[in-house]
Amino acid sequence: MRTTLGGFIAMEIARIDCSCATFFGVHSGLAMGSIFLCGSEEQKQKWLPPMARLEKIGSFGLTEPLVGSGASGGLMTTARRDGDTWVLNGPKKWIGNATWGDLTIIWARDLGDNQVKGFIVENKTTPGFKAETIQNKMALRVVQNALITLDNCRVPEENRLQMDSWFGLVALLETPARLAAPQYSNKGRCHPLLFNGTCLSIESGQIE
C-alpha cells in the first residue's frame, strides 16, 4: 500500500470516528512500528504477528506530564539495569490503549549512559505498572487515554528493544501516526512491516 493511499484510508476512518483512527494509528503505527524498527528479529516474530491479528493490543508510552512528547534525552522516566532486569520509574500521560491493552512500548532514560531506551512492558502481568483512565476529556472520548505510573516496574532484558539506538526513527513515526496514517498492511507495497516476506495486515485481522 502506498503512503498516499494509506493516508486517504486513514482520513476516511477519521471522518467517521476520530477515536477509531486514533486507535489504528497508535496500535499499528506507534506500537508495532517501534517493534519493527527497534526490535530484534526474535521480538518481531514474537509480537508482530499477534498484534497484526489484533490478538495483542499495543500502546506507545513516550509523552510525560511535565515534558510532553518531544522529550528525547530529557525524559524524566528512568531505567536502571539490575542484573537481567531493568527497573523503570516515572510517569507517562495521554497514552492511548494503555488502560485495556496488552503491552506498552515505554521509552525511558538509562541512568547508566543517559541514553533513551525502549521497553516492551506487558500491561497485565508486570508488577509496578499502573494505568489509570484520564477522565473528563474534551475530545476523543472513546479513546481510553491513560496516566501511567511506573513504580519500580521490573522488565526483563529480553523485553528491551534491542535496536533502540534507532529511537530517532521511531520519533518520526509520531507525525503520521498522530494523523492516523500508519502504513502497515495489504499485499504489494508494504511500508514498513514486511519481514521474512510476510506482510502484516491489521485491516483483515490476519497475516497476508
N, C-alpha and C. Protein backbone atom coordinates (compact mmCIF):
# COMPACT_ATOMS: atom_id res chain seq x y z
N MET A 1 0.85 -1.20 0.00
CA MET A 1 0.00 0.00 0.00
C MET A 1 0.88 1.24 0.00
N ARG A 2 0.59 2.15 -0.91
CA ARG A 2 1.36 3.38 -0.97
C ARG A 2 0.96 4.32 0.17
N THR A 3 1.92 5.17 0.56
CA THR A 3 1.69 6.08 1.68
C THR A 3 0.48 6.97 1.44
N THR A 4 0.35 7.50 0.24
CA THR A 4 -0.76 8.41 -0.05
C THR A 4 -2.10 7.70 0.10
N LEU A 5 -2.21 6.49 -0.46
CA LEU A 5 -3.45 5.74 -0.35
C LEU A 5 -3.77 5.44 1.11
N GLY A 6 -2.75 5.04 1.86
CA GLY A 6 -2.98 4.76 3.28
C GLY A 6 -3.46 5.98 4.02
N GLY A 7 -2.92 7.14 3.64
CA GLY A 7 -3.35 8.38 4.27
C GLY A 7 -4.82 8.68 4.01
N PHE A 8 -5.25 8.44 2.77
CA PHE A 8 -6.67 8.66 2.44
C PHE A 8 -7.58 7.69 3.20
N ILE A 9 -7.13 6.44 3.32
CA ILE A 9 -7.92 5.45 4.07
C ILE A 9 -8.06 5.89 5.53
N ALA A 10 -6.93 6.34 6.11
CA ALA A 10 -6.97 6.79 7.50
C ALA A 10 -7.87 8.01 7.64
N MET A 11 -7.85 8.90 6.66
CA MET A 11 -8.72 10.08 6.70
C MET A 11 -10.19 9.67 6.68
N GLU A 12 -10.50 8.63 5.89
CA GLU A 12 -11.89 8.17 5.83
C GLU A 12 -12.32 7.56 7.16
N ILE A 13 -11.41 6.82 7.81
CA ILE A 13 -11.71 6.29 9.14
C ILE A 13 -11.98 7.45 10.09
N ALA A 14 -11.12 8.45 10.05
CA ALA A 14 -11.26 9.59 10.95
C ALA A 14 -12.52 10.39 10.66
N ARG A 15 -12.93 10.42 9.39
CA ARG A 15 -14.15 11.16 9.05
C ARG A 15 -15.37 10.57 9.74
N ILE A 16 -15.38 9.26 9.92
CA ILE A 16 -16.49 8.60 10.61
C ILE A 16 -16.31 8.68 12.12
N ASP A 17 -15.08 8.39 12.58
CA ASP A 17 -14.84 8.40 14.03
C ASP A 17 -13.34 8.58 14.27
N CYS A 18 -12.98 9.74 14.79
CA CYS A 18 -11.56 10.02 15.06
C CYS A 18 -10.97 9.10 16.11
N SER A 19 -11.82 8.61 17.01
CA SER A 19 -11.33 7.70 18.04
C SER A 19 -10.84 6.40 17.41
N CYS A 20 -11.56 5.88 16.42
CA CYS A 20 -11.14 4.65 15.73
C CYS A 20 -9.83 4.89 14.98
N ALA A 21 -9.72 6.07 14.38
CA ALA A 21 -8.49 6.40 13.67
C ALA A 21 -7.31 6.51 14.62
N THR A 22 -7.56 7.04 15.81
CA THR A 22 -6.50 7.15 16.81
C THR A 22 -6.05 5.78 17.27
N PHE A 23 -7.01 4.89 17.51
CA PHE A 23 -6.64 3.51 17.88
C PHE A 23 -5.79 2.89 16.80
N PHE A 24 -6.20 3.03 15.55
CA PHE A 24 -5.49 2.48 14.41
C PHE A 24 -4.05 2.99 14.37
N GLY A 25 -3.90 4.30 14.56
CA GLY A 25 -2.57 4.90 14.48
C GLY A 25 -1.66 4.50 15.62
N VAL A 26 -2.19 4.47 16.84
CA VAL A 26 -1.37 4.12 18.00
C VAL A 26 -0.94 2.66 17.93
N HIS A 27 -1.90 1.78 17.66
CA HIS A 27 -1.59 0.35 17.67
C HIS A 27 -0.66 -0.05 16.53
N SER A 28 -1.07 0.26 15.29
CA SER A 28 -0.31 -0.23 14.14
C SER A 28 0.87 0.67 13.81
N GLY A 29 0.73 1.97 14.07
CA GLY A 29 1.80 2.89 13.72
C GLY A 29 2.88 3.00 14.78
N LEU A 30 2.50 3.39 15.97
CA LEU A 30 3.49 3.66 17.01
C LEU A 30 3.98 2.39 17.70
N ALA A 31 3.06 1.54 18.15
CA ALA A 31 3.47 0.35 18.89
C ALA A 31 4.15 -0.68 17.98
N MET A 32 3.43 -1.09 16.91
CA MET A 32 4.02 -2.06 16.00
C MET A 32 5.24 -1.49 15.28
N GLY A 33 5.17 -0.20 14.93
CA GLY A 33 6.30 0.43 14.26
C GLY A 33 7.55 0.46 15.12
N SER A 34 7.39 0.68 16.42
CA SER A 34 8.55 0.69 17.32
C SER A 34 9.22 -0.68 17.36
N ILE A 35 8.40 -1.72 17.44
CA ILE A 35 8.97 -3.07 17.48
C ILE A 35 9.65 -3.40 16.16
N PHE A 36 9.03 -2.99 15.06
CA PHE A 36 9.63 -3.26 13.76
C PHE A 36 10.97 -2.55 13.60
N LEU A 37 11.04 -1.28 13.97
CA LEU A 37 12.25 -0.50 13.77
C LEU A 37 13.33 -0.82 14.80
N CYS A 38 12.93 -1.10 16.04
CA CYS A 38 13.91 -1.19 17.12
C CYS A 38 14.03 -2.58 17.74
N GLY A 39 13.15 -3.48 17.39
CA GLY A 39 13.19 -4.80 17.99
C GLY A 39 14.13 -5.75 17.28
N SER A 40 14.54 -6.81 18.00
CA SER A 40 15.34 -7.87 17.39
C SER A 40 14.43 -8.73 16.52
N GLU A 41 15.01 -9.60 15.73
CA GLU A 41 14.20 -10.49 14.89
C GLU A 41 13.30 -11.37 15.76
N GLU A 42 13.83 -11.81 16.91
CA GLU A 42 13.02 -12.63 17.82
C GLU A 42 11.84 -11.85 18.36
N GLN A 43 12.05 -10.59 18.71
CA GLN A 43 10.96 -9.76 19.21
C GLN A 43 9.92 -9.51 18.14
N LYS A 44 10.36 -9.30 16.92
CA LYS A 44 9.40 -9.10 15.83
C LYS A 44 8.54 -10.33 15.62
N GLN A 45 9.17 -11.49 15.62
CA GLN A 45 8.43 -12.73 15.39
C GLN A 45 7.47 -13.03 16.54
N LYS A 46 7.85 -12.66 17.74
CA LYS A 46 7.01 -12.93 18.91
C LYS A 46 5.80 -12.01 18.97
N TRP A 47 6.01 -10.71 18.69
CA TRP A 47 4.95 -9.73 18.96
C TRP A 47 4.16 -9.29 17.73
N LEU A 48 4.81 -9.12 16.60
CA LEU A 48 4.12 -8.52 15.46
C LEU A 48 2.98 -9.38 14.89
N PRO A 49 3.15 -10.68 14.72
CA PRO A 49 2.02 -11.47 14.18
C PRO A 49 0.76 -11.40 15.04
N PRO A 50 0.84 -11.61 16.38
CA PRO A 50 -0.41 -11.48 17.16
C PRO A 50 -0.95 -10.07 17.20
N MET A 51 -0.10 -9.07 17.10
CA MET A 51 -0.58 -7.70 17.06
C MET A 51 -1.27 -7.42 15.72
N ALA A 52 -0.75 -7.99 14.65
CA ALA A 52 -1.38 -7.81 13.34
C ALA A 52 -2.76 -8.46 13.31
N ARG A 53 -2.93 -9.54 14.08
CA ARG A 53 -4.23 -10.22 14.14
C ARG A 53 -5.14 -9.63 15.21
N LEU A 54 -4.66 -8.57 15.88
CA LEU A 54 -5.39 -7.91 16.97
C LEU A 54 -5.62 -8.84 18.15
N GLU A 55 -4.76 -9.83 18.29
CA GLU A 55 -4.81 -10.69 19.47
C GLU A 55 -4.09 -10.01 20.63
N LYS A 56 -3.16 -9.15 20.32
CA LYS A 56 -2.46 -8.33 21.31
C LYS A 56 -2.60 -6.87 20.87
N ILE A 57 -2.97 -6.01 21.81
CA ILE A 57 -3.16 -4.58 21.52
C ILE A 57 -2.03 -3.79 22.16
N GLY A 58 -1.45 -2.91 21.36
CA GLY A 58 -0.31 -2.15 21.85
C GLY A 58 -0.58 -0.67 22.05
N SER A 59 0.26 -0.06 22.87
CA SER A 59 0.23 1.38 23.08
C SER A 59 1.67 1.90 23.09
N PHE A 60 1.81 3.22 23.12
CA PHE A 60 3.11 3.86 22.93
C PHE A 60 3.33 4.86 24.05
N GLY A 61 4.27 4.57 24.93
CA GLY A 61 4.47 5.39 26.13
C GLY A 61 5.68 6.31 26.02
N LEU A 62 5.49 7.45 25.38
CA LEU A 62 6.55 8.47 25.31
C LEU A 62 6.17 9.72 26.10
N THR A 63 4.95 10.24 25.88
CA THR A 63 4.54 11.51 26.46
C THR A 63 4.54 11.48 27.99
N GLU A 64 5.07 12.56 28.58
CA GLU A 64 5.12 12.67 30.04
C GLU A 64 4.41 13.95 30.49
N PRO A 65 3.94 13.98 31.74
CA PRO A 65 3.18 15.13 32.21
C PRO A 65 3.92 16.46 32.15
N LEU A 66 5.22 16.45 32.40
CA LEU A 66 5.95 17.70 32.52
C LEU A 66 6.76 18.07 31.28
N VAL A 67 7.09 17.10 30.44
CA VAL A 67 7.96 17.40 29.30
C VAL A 67 7.31 17.09 27.96
N GLY A 68 6.09 16.58 27.94
CA GLY A 68 5.39 16.34 26.68
C GLY A 68 5.97 15.20 25.88
N SER A 69 5.82 15.29 24.55
CA SER A 69 6.23 14.19 23.67
C SER A 69 7.60 14.40 23.04
N GLY A 70 8.03 15.63 22.86
CA GLY A 70 9.33 15.89 22.26
C GLY A 70 10.43 15.80 23.29
N ALA A 71 10.50 14.68 23.97
CA ALA A 71 11.34 14.58 25.16
C ALA A 71 12.77 14.14 24.86
N SER A 72 12.92 13.09 24.04
CA SER A 72 14.22 12.53 23.71
C SER A 72 15.06 12.36 24.98
N GLY A 73 16.25 12.96 25.04
CA GLY A 73 17.13 12.79 26.18
C GLY A 73 16.64 13.47 27.43
N GLY A 74 15.57 14.29 27.34
CA GLY A 74 15.05 14.98 28.51
C GLY A 74 13.98 14.19 29.26
N LEU A 75 13.77 12.94 28.90
CA LEU A 75 12.75 12.14 29.57
C LEU A 75 13.02 12.05 31.07
N MET A 76 11.95 12.17 31.85
CA MET A 76 12.07 12.03 33.30
C MET A 76 11.89 10.59 33.75
N THR A 77 11.26 9.77 32.92
CA THR A 77 11.14 8.35 33.24
C THR A 77 12.51 7.71 33.09
N THR A 78 12.92 6.95 34.09
CA THR A 78 14.27 6.39 34.11
C THR A 78 14.25 4.87 34.06
N ALA A 79 15.37 4.34 33.60
CA ALA A 79 15.59 2.89 33.56
C ALA A 79 16.94 2.60 34.20
N ARG A 80 16.94 1.60 35.09
CA ARG A 80 18.20 1.22 35.76
C ARG A 80 18.40 -0.29 35.61
N ARG A 81 19.56 -0.67 35.10
CA ARG A 81 19.87 -2.09 34.90
C ARG A 81 20.15 -2.74 36.24
N ASP A 82 19.52 -3.88 36.48
CA ASP A 82 19.73 -4.65 37.71
C ASP A 82 19.81 -6.13 37.32
N GLY A 83 21.01 -6.57 36.99
CA GLY A 83 21.19 -7.95 36.55
C GLY A 83 20.53 -8.18 35.20
N ASP A 84 19.63 -9.15 35.15
CA ASP A 84 18.94 -9.47 33.90
C ASP A 84 17.61 -8.73 33.75
N THR A 85 17.38 -7.74 34.61
CA THR A 85 16.14 -6.97 34.52
C THR A 85 16.46 -5.47 34.51
N TRP A 86 15.44 -4.71 34.13
CA TRP A 86 15.51 -3.25 34.17
C TRP A 86 14.43 -2.75 35.11
N VAL A 87 14.77 -1.75 35.91
CA VAL A 87 13.82 -1.16 36.84
C VAL A 87 13.41 0.20 36.30
N LEU A 88 12.12 0.34 35.99
CA LEU A 88 11.60 1.58 35.40
C LEU A 88 10.84 2.38 36.45
N ASN A 89 11.06 3.69 36.45
CA ASN A 89 10.34 4.58 37.35
C ASN A 89 9.98 5.87 36.63
N GLY A 90 8.75 6.33 36.84
CA GLY A 90 8.34 7.60 36.25
C GLY A 90 6.91 7.56 35.73
N PRO A 91 6.41 8.72 35.28
CA PRO A 91 5.03 8.83 34.77
C PRO A 91 4.97 8.96 33.26
N LYS A 92 3.88 8.50 32.68
CA LYS A 92 3.54 8.74 31.28
C LYS A 92 2.08 9.19 31.26
N LYS A 93 1.75 10.06 30.31
CA LYS A 93 0.39 10.61 30.29
C LYS A 93 -0.16 10.67 28.87
N TRP A 94 -1.47 10.56 28.76
CA TRP A 94 -2.20 10.59 27.50
C TRP A 94 -1.85 9.39 26.61
N ILE A 95 -1.66 8.24 27.22
CA ILE A 95 -1.24 7.06 26.48
C ILE A 95 -2.47 6.26 26.04
N GLY A 96 -2.80 6.36 24.75
CA GLY A 96 -3.96 5.68 24.22
C GLY A 96 -3.81 4.16 24.24
N ASN A 97 -4.90 3.46 24.52
CA ASN A 97 -5.00 2.00 24.55
C ASN A 97 -4.40 1.37 25.81
N ALA A 98 -3.71 2.13 26.64
CA ALA A 98 -2.95 1.53 27.73
C ALA A 98 -3.81 1.01 28.87
N THR A 99 -5.03 1.52 29.03
CA THR A 99 -5.85 1.08 30.16
C THR A 99 -6.41 -0.32 29.95
N TRP A 100 -6.49 -0.77 28.70
CA TRP A 100 -7.09 -2.07 28.43
C TRP A 100 -6.25 -2.95 27.51
N GLY A 101 -5.18 -2.39 26.94
CA GLY A 101 -4.35 -3.14 26.01
C GLY A 101 -3.44 -4.14 26.69
N ASP A 102 -2.63 -4.80 25.89
CA ASP A 102 -1.78 -5.88 26.38
C ASP A 102 -0.33 -5.49 26.61
N LEU A 103 0.16 -4.53 25.85
CA LEU A 103 1.56 -4.14 26.00
C LEU A 103 1.72 -2.66 25.68
N THR A 104 2.72 -2.08 26.31
CA THR A 104 3.04 -0.66 26.08
C THR A 104 4.52 -0.54 25.80
N ILE A 105 4.87 0.19 24.75
CA ILE A 105 6.27 0.50 24.48
C ILE A 105 6.63 1.70 25.33
N ILE A 106 7.42 1.48 26.35
CA ILE A 106 7.82 2.54 27.27
C ILE A 106 9.22 3.03 26.90
N TRP A 107 9.34 4.34 26.75
CA TRP A 107 10.65 4.95 26.48
C TRP A 107 11.15 5.62 27.75
N ALA A 108 12.39 5.28 28.13
CA ALA A 108 12.95 5.76 29.39
C ALA A 108 14.43 6.08 29.22
N ARG A 109 14.91 6.96 30.07
CA ARG A 109 16.32 7.37 30.04
C ARG A 109 17.14 6.46 30.94
N ASP A 110 18.13 5.82 30.35
CA ASP A 110 19.01 4.91 31.08
C ASP A 110 19.91 5.72 32.01
N LEU A 111 19.84 5.43 33.30
CA LEU A 111 20.67 6.15 34.26
C LEU A 111 22.15 5.84 34.08
N GLY A 112 22.45 4.73 33.42
CA GLY A 112 23.85 4.34 33.24
C GLY A 112 24.56 5.16 32.18
N ASP A 113 23.91 5.38 31.05
CA ASP A 113 24.57 6.11 29.96
C ASP A 113 23.79 7.32 29.46
N ASN A 114 22.66 7.62 30.11
CA ASN A 114 21.82 8.78 29.79
C ASN A 114 21.20 8.69 28.39
N GLN A 115 21.15 7.48 27.82
CA GLN A 115 20.55 7.28 26.51
C GLN A 115 19.11 6.80 26.65
N VAL A 116 18.29 7.13 25.65
CA VAL A 116 16.89 6.69 25.66
C VAL A 116 16.82 5.25 25.19
N LYS A 117 16.09 4.43 25.94
CA LYS A 117 15.90 3.03 25.60
C LYS A 117 14.42 2.69 25.60
N GLY A 118 14.06 1.71 24.79
CA GLY A 118 12.67 1.29 24.69
C GLY A 118 12.45 -0.07 25.32
N PHE A 119 11.27 -0.25 25.93
CA PHE A 119 10.96 -1.49 26.62
C PHE A 119 9.54 -1.93 26.29
N ILE A 120 9.39 -3.22 26.06
CA ILE A 120 8.06 -3.81 25.87
C ILE A 120 7.54 -4.21 27.24
N VAL A 121 6.59 -3.46 27.75
CA VAL A 121 6.03 -3.73 29.08
C VAL A 121 4.67 -4.40 28.91
N GLU A 122 4.53 -5.56 29.49
CA GLU A 122 3.27 -6.30 29.42
C GLU A 122 2.33 -5.76 30.52
N ASN A 123 1.30 -5.06 30.08
CA ASN A 123 0.47 -4.28 31.00
C ASN A 123 -0.16 -5.11 32.12
N LYS A 124 -0.63 -6.29 31.80
CA LYS A 124 -1.46 -7.04 32.74
C LYS A 124 -0.68 -7.94 33.68
N THR A 125 0.61 -8.12 33.43
CA THR A 125 1.37 -9.07 34.24
C THR A 125 2.63 -8.48 34.86
N THR A 126 2.93 -7.21 34.59
CA THR A 126 4.17 -6.62 35.08
C THR A 126 3.94 -5.87 36.38
N PRO A 127 4.54 -6.32 37.49
CA PRO A 127 4.41 -5.60 38.76
C PRO A 127 4.98 -4.18 38.64
N GLY A 128 4.30 -3.23 39.29
CA GLY A 128 4.76 -1.86 39.27
C GLY A 128 4.22 -1.03 38.12
N PHE A 129 3.42 -1.65 37.24
CA PHE A 129 2.80 -0.92 36.13
C PHE A 129 1.35 -0.62 36.50
N LYS A 130 1.00 0.67 36.47
CA LYS A 130 -0.37 1.08 36.80
C LYS A 130 -0.87 2.07 35.75
N ALA A 131 -2.04 1.79 35.18
CA ALA A 131 -2.63 2.67 34.16
C ALA A 131 -4.01 3.09 34.62
N GLU A 132 -4.21 4.40 34.78
CA GLU A 132 -5.49 4.96 35.21
C GLU A 132 -6.12 5.75 34.06
N THR A 133 -7.42 5.57 33.85
CA THR A 133 -8.12 6.28 32.78
C THR A 133 -8.21 7.77 33.10
N ILE A 134 -7.85 8.60 32.14
CA ILE A 134 -7.98 10.06 32.30
C ILE A 134 -9.44 10.44 32.02
N GLN A 135 -10.05 11.09 32.98
CA GLN A 135 -11.48 11.42 32.91
C GLN A 135 -11.70 12.83 32.38
N ASN A 136 -12.95 13.08 31.95
CA ASN A 136 -13.41 14.43 31.58
C ASN A 136 -12.63 15.06 30.43
N LYS A 137 -12.31 14.25 29.43
CA LYS A 137 -11.64 14.80 28.25
C LYS A 137 -12.64 15.58 27.40
N MET A 138 -12.13 16.51 26.59
CA MET A 138 -12.99 17.30 25.72
C MET A 138 -13.21 16.63 24.37
N ALA A 139 -12.31 15.74 23.96
CA ALA A 139 -12.41 15.14 22.64
C ALA A 139 -11.91 13.70 22.69
N LEU A 140 -12.15 12.95 21.60
CA LEU A 140 -11.73 11.56 21.50
C LEU A 140 -12.13 10.77 22.74
N ARG A 141 -13.38 10.92 23.14
CA ARG A 141 -13.81 10.35 24.41
C ARG A 141 -13.85 8.83 24.41
N VAL A 142 -13.96 8.24 23.22
CA VAL A 142 -13.96 6.78 23.15
C VAL A 142 -12.56 6.22 23.44
N VAL A 143 -11.52 6.98 23.09
CA VAL A 143 -10.16 6.53 23.33
C VAL A 143 -9.88 6.54 24.84
N GLN A 144 -9.39 5.41 25.33
CA GLN A 144 -9.09 5.30 26.76
C GLN A 144 -7.65 5.73 27.01
N ASN A 145 -7.44 7.04 27.14
CA ASN A 145 -6.10 7.54 27.45
C ASN A 145 -5.76 7.27 28.90
N ALA A 146 -4.49 6.97 29.14
CA ALA A 146 -4.08 6.57 30.48
C ALA A 146 -3.01 7.49 31.05
N LEU A 147 -3.07 7.64 32.36
CA LEU A 147 -1.95 8.16 33.14
C LEU A 147 -1.24 6.92 33.68
N ILE A 148 -0.03 6.69 33.21
CA ILE A 148 0.73 5.50 33.62
C ILE A 148 1.72 5.88 34.71
N THR A 149 1.75 5.08 35.74
CA THR A 149 2.75 5.23 36.80
C THR A 149 3.62 3.98 36.82
N LEU A 150 4.91 4.18 36.69
CA LEU A 150 5.88 3.08 36.76
C LEU A 150 6.59 3.19 38.10
N ASP A 151 6.34 2.24 38.97
CA ASP A 151 6.88 2.27 40.34
C ASP A 151 7.73 1.03 40.55
N ASN A 152 9.05 1.19 40.35
CA ASN A 152 9.96 0.05 40.42
C ASN A 152 9.43 -1.09 39.55
N CYS A 153 9.04 -0.73 38.36
CA CYS A 153 8.48 -1.68 37.40
C CYS A 153 9.63 -2.49 36.78
N ARG A 154 9.62 -3.79 36.98
CA ARG A 154 10.72 -4.63 36.53
C ARG A 154 10.39 -5.29 35.19
N VAL A 155 11.30 -5.07 34.23
CA VAL A 155 11.13 -5.60 32.88
C VAL A 155 12.37 -6.42 32.54
N PRO A 156 12.18 -7.64 32.04
CA PRO A 156 13.35 -8.46 31.70
C PRO A 156 14.14 -7.88 30.53
N GLU A 157 15.44 -8.17 30.50
CA GLU A 157 16.30 -7.69 29.42
C GLU A 157 15.77 -8.14 28.06
N GLU A 158 15.15 -9.30 28.00
CA GLU A 158 14.64 -9.79 26.72
C GLU A 158 13.52 -8.92 26.17
N ASN A 159 12.93 -8.07 27.03
CA ASN A 159 11.87 -7.15 26.58
C ASN A 159 12.39 -5.75 26.29
N ARG A 160 13.70 -5.56 26.39
CA ARG A 160 14.26 -4.28 25.95
C ARG A 160 14.40 -4.33 24.44
N LEU A 161 13.96 -3.27 23.76
CA LEU A 161 14.11 -3.22 22.31
C LEU A 161 15.60 -3.21 21.97
N GLN A 162 16.04 -4.25 21.28
CA GLN A 162 17.47 -4.47 21.12
C GLN A 162 18.14 -3.51 20.15
N MET A 163 17.36 -2.84 19.31
CA MET A 163 17.93 -1.88 18.37
C MET A 163 17.45 -0.48 18.72
N ASP A 164 17.39 -0.18 20.02
CA ASP A 164 16.78 1.08 20.43
C ASP A 164 17.62 2.30 20.12
N SER A 165 18.80 2.10 19.53
CA SER A 165 19.56 3.27 19.06
C SER A 165 18.85 3.94 17.89
N TRP A 166 17.79 3.28 17.37
CA TRP A 166 17.00 3.85 16.27
C TRP A 166 15.88 4.74 16.79
N PHE A 167 15.99 5.20 18.03
CA PHE A 167 14.90 5.97 18.63
C PHE A 167 14.53 7.17 17.77
N GLY A 168 15.53 7.80 17.11
CA GLY A 168 15.22 8.95 16.26
C GLY A 168 14.27 8.59 15.14
N LEU A 169 14.40 7.38 14.60
CA LEU A 169 13.49 6.95 13.55
C LEU A 169 12.09 6.71 14.11
N VAL A 170 12.03 6.17 15.32
CA VAL A 170 10.73 5.94 15.94
C VAL A 170 10.02 7.27 16.15
N ALA A 171 10.76 8.30 16.53
CA ALA A 171 10.14 9.61 16.73
C ALA A 171 9.49 10.10 15.45
N LEU A 172 10.05 9.70 14.30
CA LEU A 172 9.46 10.11 13.03
C LEU A 172 8.11 9.47 12.79
N LEU A 173 7.83 8.36 13.50
CA LEU A 173 6.54 7.69 13.35
C LEU A 173 5.41 8.52 13.94
N GLU A 174 5.74 9.41 14.87
CA GLU A 174 4.70 10.11 15.59
C GLU A 174 3.81 10.96 14.70
N THR A 175 4.41 11.66 13.74
CA THR A 175 3.61 12.56 12.91
C THR A 175 2.56 11.83 12.09
N PRO A 176 2.92 10.81 11.29
CA PRO A 176 1.87 10.12 10.54
C PRO A 176 0.91 9.37 11.43
N ALA A 177 1.40 8.82 12.55
CA ALA A 177 0.51 8.06 13.42
C ALA A 177 -0.48 8.99 14.11
N ARG A 178 -0.04 10.16 14.48
CA ARG A 178 -0.96 11.10 15.11
C ARG A 178 -1.98 11.63 14.10
N LEU A 179 -1.62 11.54 12.83
CA LEU A 179 -2.58 11.89 11.79
C LEU A 179 -3.37 10.67 11.33
N ALA A 180 -3.18 9.58 12.06
CA ALA A 180 -3.88 8.32 11.77
C ALA A 180 -3.58 7.81 10.37
N ALA A 181 -2.31 7.88 9.99
CA ALA A 181 -1.94 7.41 8.66
C ALA A 181 -0.76 6.44 8.69
N PRO A 182 -0.83 5.37 9.52
CA PRO A 182 0.23 4.37 9.51
C PRO A 182 0.08 3.44 8.31
N GLN A 183 1.18 2.95 7.79
CA GLN A 183 1.13 2.13 6.58
C GLN A 183 1.73 0.76 6.85
N TYR A 184 0.95 -0.14 7.35
CA TYR A 184 1.49 -1.44 7.70
C TYR A 184 0.63 -2.57 7.19
N SER A 185 0.00 -2.45 6.01
CA SER A 185 -0.90 -3.50 5.64
C SER A 185 -1.02 -3.69 4.14
N ASN A 186 -1.69 -4.80 3.80
CA ASN A 186 -2.03 -5.19 2.44
C ASN A 186 -0.85 -5.74 1.66
N LYS A 187 -1.18 -6.57 0.69
CA LYS A 187 -0.16 -7.17 -0.17
C LYS A 187 0.40 -6.12 -1.11
N GLY A 188 1.58 -6.41 -1.63
CA GLY A 188 2.20 -5.47 -2.56
C GLY A 188 3.18 -4.58 -1.84
N ARG A 189 3.02 -3.28 -1.97
CA ARG A 189 3.95 -2.34 -1.33
C ARG A 189 3.58 -2.19 0.13
N CYS A 190 4.35 -2.84 0.99
CA CYS A 190 4.08 -2.80 2.43
C CYS A 190 5.12 -1.90 3.07
N HIS A 191 4.67 -0.94 3.81
CA HIS A 191 5.59 0.01 4.41
C HIS A 191 5.23 0.21 5.88
N PRO A 192 6.17 -0.16 6.83
CA PRO A 192 7.36 -0.91 6.54
C PRO A 192 7.29 -2.32 7.11
N LEU A 193 6.14 -2.78 7.63
CA LEU A 193 6.10 -4.04 8.33
C LEU A 193 6.12 -5.22 7.38
N LEU A 194 7.26 -5.42 6.78
CA LEU A 194 7.46 -6.56 5.91
C LEU A 194 8.73 -7.25 6.38
N PHE A 195 8.59 -8.45 6.89
CA PHE A 195 9.78 -9.16 7.31
C PHE A 195 9.60 -10.64 6.98
N ASN A 196 10.72 -11.26 6.55
CA ASN A 196 10.70 -12.65 6.11
C ASN A 196 9.64 -12.86 5.03
N GLY A 197 9.44 -11.86 4.18
CA GLY A 197 8.48 -11.99 3.09
C GLY A 197 7.04 -11.94 3.54
N THR A 198 6.80 -11.57 4.80
CA THR A 198 5.44 -11.55 5.32
C THR A 198 4.96 -10.13 5.50
N CYS A 199 3.79 -9.84 4.98
CA CYS A 199 3.20 -8.52 5.14
C CYS A 199 2.14 -8.60 6.23
N LEU A 200 2.27 -7.74 7.24
CA LEU A 200 1.33 -7.76 8.35
C LEU A 200 0.15 -6.85 8.06
N SER A 201 -1.04 -7.36 8.25
CA SER A 201 -2.24 -6.57 7.99
C SER A 201 -3.16 -6.62 9.19
N ILE A 202 -3.47 -5.43 9.76
CA ILE A 202 -4.45 -5.42 10.82
C ILE A 202 -5.83 -5.16 10.27
N GLU A 203 -5.90 -4.75 8.99
CA GLU A 203 -7.21 -4.47 8.42
C GLU A 203 -8.03 -5.74 8.25
N SER A 204 -7.34 -6.83 7.82
CA SER A 204 -8.05 -8.08 7.64
C SER A 204 -7.98 -8.93 8.88
N GLY A 205 -7.16 -8.51 9.87
CA GLY A 205 -7.01 -9.27 11.09
C GLY A 205 -6.18 -10.52 10.90
N GLN A 206 -5.36 -10.55 9.87
CA GLN A 206 -4.56 -11.75 9.63
C GLN A 206 -3.27 -11.35 8.97
N ILE A 207 -2.35 -12.32 8.92
CA ILE A 207 -1.10 -12.10 8.22
C ILE A 207 -1.31 -12.45 6.77
N GLU A 208 -0.88 -11.57 5.88
CA GLU A 208 -1.05 -11.83 4.45
C GLU A 208 0.32 -11.96 3.79
